[in-house]
Amino acid sequence: MGAFVLRTHDYRTISRCLESYGLAVERSAATWPQRRFTDGAERRRAVATVTALGEDPAGKESAGYFHTRLHLAR
Protein backbone atom coordinates (compact mmCIF):
# COMPACT_ATOMS: atom_id res chain seq x y z
CA MET A 1 0.00 0.00 0.00
CA GLY A 2 1.36 3.42 -0.84
CA ALA A 3 0.34 6.69 0.77
CA PHE A 4 1.54 10.15 -0.18
CA VAL A 5 1.31 12.02 3.13
CA LEU A 6 1.60 15.78 3.53
CA ARG A 7 4.67 16.64 5.57
CA THR A 8 2.38 18.62 7.87
CA HIS A 9 0.98 15.31 9.18
CA ASP A 10 2.65 12.79 11.46
CA TYR A 11 2.29 9.30 9.94
CA ARG A 12 4.08 7.45 12.76
CA THR A 13 0.88 6.29 14.51
CA ILE A 14 -0.45 4.82 11.27
CA SER A 15 2.93 3.22 10.52
CA ARG A 16 2.96 1.56 13.95
CA CYS A 17 -0.57 0.26 13.39
CA LEU A 18 0.37 -1.20 10.00
CA GLU A 19 3.51 -2.74 11.50
CA SER A 20 1.37 -4.40 14.20
CA TYR A 21 -0.31 -6.32 11.34
CA GLY A 22 3.07 -7.53 10.07
CA LEU A 23 3.62 -4.93 7.36
CA ALA A 24 7.00 -3.28 6.86
CA VAL A 25 6.65 0.48 6.34
CA GLU A 26 9.28 2.40 4.37
CA ARG A 27 9.44 6.18 4.18
CA SER A 28 10.85 7.81 1.07
CA ALA A 29 13.61 10.38 1.45
CA ALA A 30 12.26 12.24 -1.59
CA THR A 31 9.29 14.61 -1.45
CA TRP A 32 6.79 15.70 -4.09
CA PRO A 33 5.00 19.06 -4.38
CA GLN A 34 1.28 18.69 -3.82
CA ARG A 35 -0.17 22.17 -4.31
CA ARG A 36 0.54 25.86 -3.76
CA PHE A 37 -0.60 27.50 -0.56
CA THR A 38 -3.81 29.50 -0.77
CA ASP A 39 -2.37 32.40 1.21
CA GLY A 40 0.44 33.52 3.50
CA ALA A 41 -1.31 32.29 6.64
CA GLU A 42 -1.57 28.74 5.29
CA ARG A 43 2.11 28.88 4.33
CA ARG A 44 3.17 30.09 7.79
CA ARG A 45 1.13 27.34 9.49
CA ALA A 46 2.64 24.68 7.23
CA VAL A 47 6.21 25.90 7.79
CA ALA A 48 5.66 25.96 11.55
CA THR A 49 4.09 22.50 11.59
CA VAL A 50 6.77 20.91 9.40
CA THR A 51 9.46 22.46 11.58
CA ALA A 52 7.73 21.21 14.77
CA LEU A 53 7.73 17.70 13.27
CA GLY A 54 11.51 17.90 12.85
CA GLU A 55 11.57 18.45 9.09
CA ASP A 56 13.30 21.24 7.17
CA PRO A 57 10.86 23.40 5.14
CA ALA A 58 13.66 25.05 3.12
CA GLY A 59 13.01 24.85 -0.62
CA LYS A 60 9.72 23.07 -0.06
CA GLU A 61 7.01 24.60 2.14
CA SER A 62 9.06 27.78 2.49
CA ALA A 63 9.06 28.00 -1.33
CA GLY A 64 5.25 28.04 -1.40
CA TYR A 65 4.14 24.41 -1.82
CA PHE A 66 2.78 21.66 0.39
CA HIS A 67 5.05 18.65 -0.06
CA THR A 68 4.19 14.99 0.35
CA ARG A 69 6.35 12.01 1.26
CA LEU A 70 5.67 8.44 0.09
CA HIS A 71 5.09 5.83 2.78
CA LEU A 72 5.10 2.30 1.39
CA ALA A 73 3.69 -0.59 3.44
CA ARG A 74 4.16 -4.16 2.29
C-alpha atoms as a PDB file:
ATOM      1  CA  MET A   1       0.000   0.000   0.000  1.00  0.00           C
ATOM      2  CA  GLY A   2       1.356   3.415  -0.839  1.00  0.00           C
ATOM      3  CA  ALA A   3       0.340   6.693   0.774  1.00  0.00           C
ATOM      4  CA  PHE A   4       1.537  10.147  -0.184  1.00  0.00           C
ATOM      5  CA  VAL A   5       1.307  12.017   3.125  1.00  0.00           C
ATOM      6  CA  LEU A   6       1.595  15.778   3.530  1.00  0.00           C
ATOM      7  CA  ARG A   7       4.672  16.644   5.568  1.00  0.00           C
ATOM      8  CA  THR A   8       2.383  18.624   7.870  1.00  0.00           C
ATOM      9  CA  HIS A   9       0.980  15.314   9.178  1.00  0.00           C
ATOM     10  CA  ASP A  10       2.651  12.790  11.456  1.00  0.00           C
ATOM     11  CA  TYR A  11       2.289   9.298   9.941  1.00  0.00           C
ATOM     12  CA  ARG A  12       4.077   7.451  12.764  1.00  0.00           C
ATOM     13  CA  THR A  13       0.885   6.292  14.511  1.00  0.00           C
ATOM     14  CA  ILE A  14      -0.445   4.818  11.271  1.00  0.00           C
ATOM     15  CA  SER A  15       2.934   3.217  10.517  1.00  0.00           C
ATOM     16  CA  ARG A  16       2.959   1.559  13.948  1.00  0.00           C
ATOM     17  CA  CYS A  17      -0.572   0.260  13.387  1.00  0.00           C
ATOM     18  CA  LEU A  18       0.370  -1.197  10.000  1.00  0.00           C
ATOM     19  CA  GLU A  19       3.508  -2.743  11.502  1.00  0.00           C
ATOM     20  CA  SER A  20       1.372  -4.399  14.199  1.00  0.00           C
ATOM     21  CA  TYR A  21      -0.310  -6.320  11.341  1.00  0.00           C
ATOM     22  CA  GLY A  22       3.070  -7.527  10.068  1.00  0.00           C
ATOM     23  CA  LEU A  23       3.621  -4.933   7.365  1.00  0.00           C
ATOM     24  CA  ALA A  24       6.996  -3.279   6.861  1.00  0.00           C
ATOM     25  CA  VAL A  25       6.655   0.483   6.338  1.00  0.00           C
ATOM     26  CA  GLU A  26       9.280   2.396   4.369  1.00  0.00           C
ATOM     27  CA  ARG A  27       9.437   6.180   4.180  1.00  0.00           C
ATOM     28  CA  SER A  28      10.853   7.811   1.070  1.00  0.00           C
ATOM     29  CA  ALA A  29      13.611  10.381   1.455  1.00  0.00           C
ATOM     30  CA  ALA A  30      12.256  12.237  -1.593  1.00  0.00           C
ATOM     31  CA  THR A  31       9.288  14.608  -1.453  1.00  0.00           C
ATOM     32  CA  TRP A  32       6.786  15.701  -4.092  1.00  0.00           C
ATOM     33  CA  PRO A  33       5.004  19.064  -4.385  1.00  0.00           C
ATOM     34  CA  GLN A  34       1.283  18.685  -3.822  1.00  0.00           C
ATOM     35  CA  ARG A  35      -0.171  22.173  -4.307  1.00  0.00           C
ATOM     36  CA  ARG A  36       0.545  25.858  -3.764  1.00  0.00           C
ATOM     37  CA  PHE A  37      -0.599  27.504  -0.563  1.00  0.00           C
ATOM     38  CA  THR A  38      -3.806  29.502  -0.772  1.00  0.00           C
ATOM     39  CA  ASP A  39      -2.365  32.405   1.210  1.00  0.00           C
ATOM     40  CA  GLY A  40       0.441  33.517   3.505  1.00  0.00           C
ATOM     41  CA  ALA A  41      -1.314  32.294   6.642  1.00  0.00           C
ATOM     42  CA  GLU A  42      -1.566  28.744   5.290  1.00  0.00           C
ATOM     43  CA  ARG A  43       2.111  28.884   4.331  1.00  0.00           C
ATOM     44  CA  ARG A  44       3.166  30.091   7.792  1.00  0.00           C
ATOM     45  CA  ARG A  45       1.133  27.337   9.491  1.00  0.00           C
ATOM     46  CA  ALA A  46       2.645  24.681   7.230  1.00  0.00           C
ATOM     47  CA  VAL A  47       6.212  25.896   7.786  1.00  0.00           C
ATOM     48  CA  ALA A  48       5.655  25.960  11.550  1.00  0.00           C
ATOM     49  CA  THR A  49       4.091  22.495  11.586  1.00  0.00           C
ATOM     50  CA  VAL A  50       6.770  20.913   9.396  1.00  0.00           C
ATOM     51  CA  THR A  51       9.459  22.458  11.582  1.00  0.00           C
ATOM     52  CA  ALA A  52       7.729  21.207  14.769  1.00  0.00           C
ATOM     53  CA  LEU A  53       7.731  17.701  13.272  1.00  0.00           C
ATOM     54  CA  GLY A  54      11.513  17.904  12.849  1.00  0.00           C
ATOM     55  CA  GLU A  55      11.575  18.455   9.093  1.00  0.00           C
ATOM     56  CA  ASP A  56      13.297  21.241   7.167  1.00  0.00           C
ATOM     57  CA  PRO A  57      10.855  23.395   5.143  1.00  0.00           C
ATOM     58  CA  ALA A  58      13.655  25.048   3.119  1.00  0.00           C
ATOM     59  CA  GLY A  59      13.006  24.854  -0.615  1.00  0.00           C
ATOM     60  CA  LYS A  60       9.724  23.071  -0.062  1.00  0.00           C
ATOM     61  CA  GLU A  61       7.008  24.603   2.140  1.00  0.00           C
ATOM     62  CA  SER A  62       9.064  27.782   2.487  1.00  0.00           C
ATOM     63  CA  ALA A  63       9.061  28.001  -1.327  1.00  0.00           C
ATOM     64  CA  GLY A  64       5.250  28.037  -1.401  1.00  0.00           C
ATOM     65  CA  TYR A  65       4.138  24.408  -1.820  1.00  0.00           C
ATOM     66  CA  PHE A  66       2.783  21.662   0.386  1.00  0.00           C
ATOM     67  CA  HIS A  67       5.045  18.646  -0.065  1.00  0.00           C
ATOM     68  CA  THR A  68       4.193  14.991   0.350  1.00  0.00           C
ATOM     69  CA  ARG A  69       6.345  12.013   1.259  1.00  0.00           C
ATOM     70  CA  LEU A  70       5.673   8.444   0.089  1.00  0.00           C
ATOM     71  CA  HIS A  71       5.087   5.833   2.781  1.00  0.00           C
ATOM     72  CA  LEU A  72       5.103   2.295   1.385  1.00  0.00           C
ATOM     73  CA  ALA A  73       3.691  -0.587   3.442  1.00  0.00           C
ATOM     74  CA  ARG A  74       4.158  -4.164   2.291  1.00  0.00           C
END
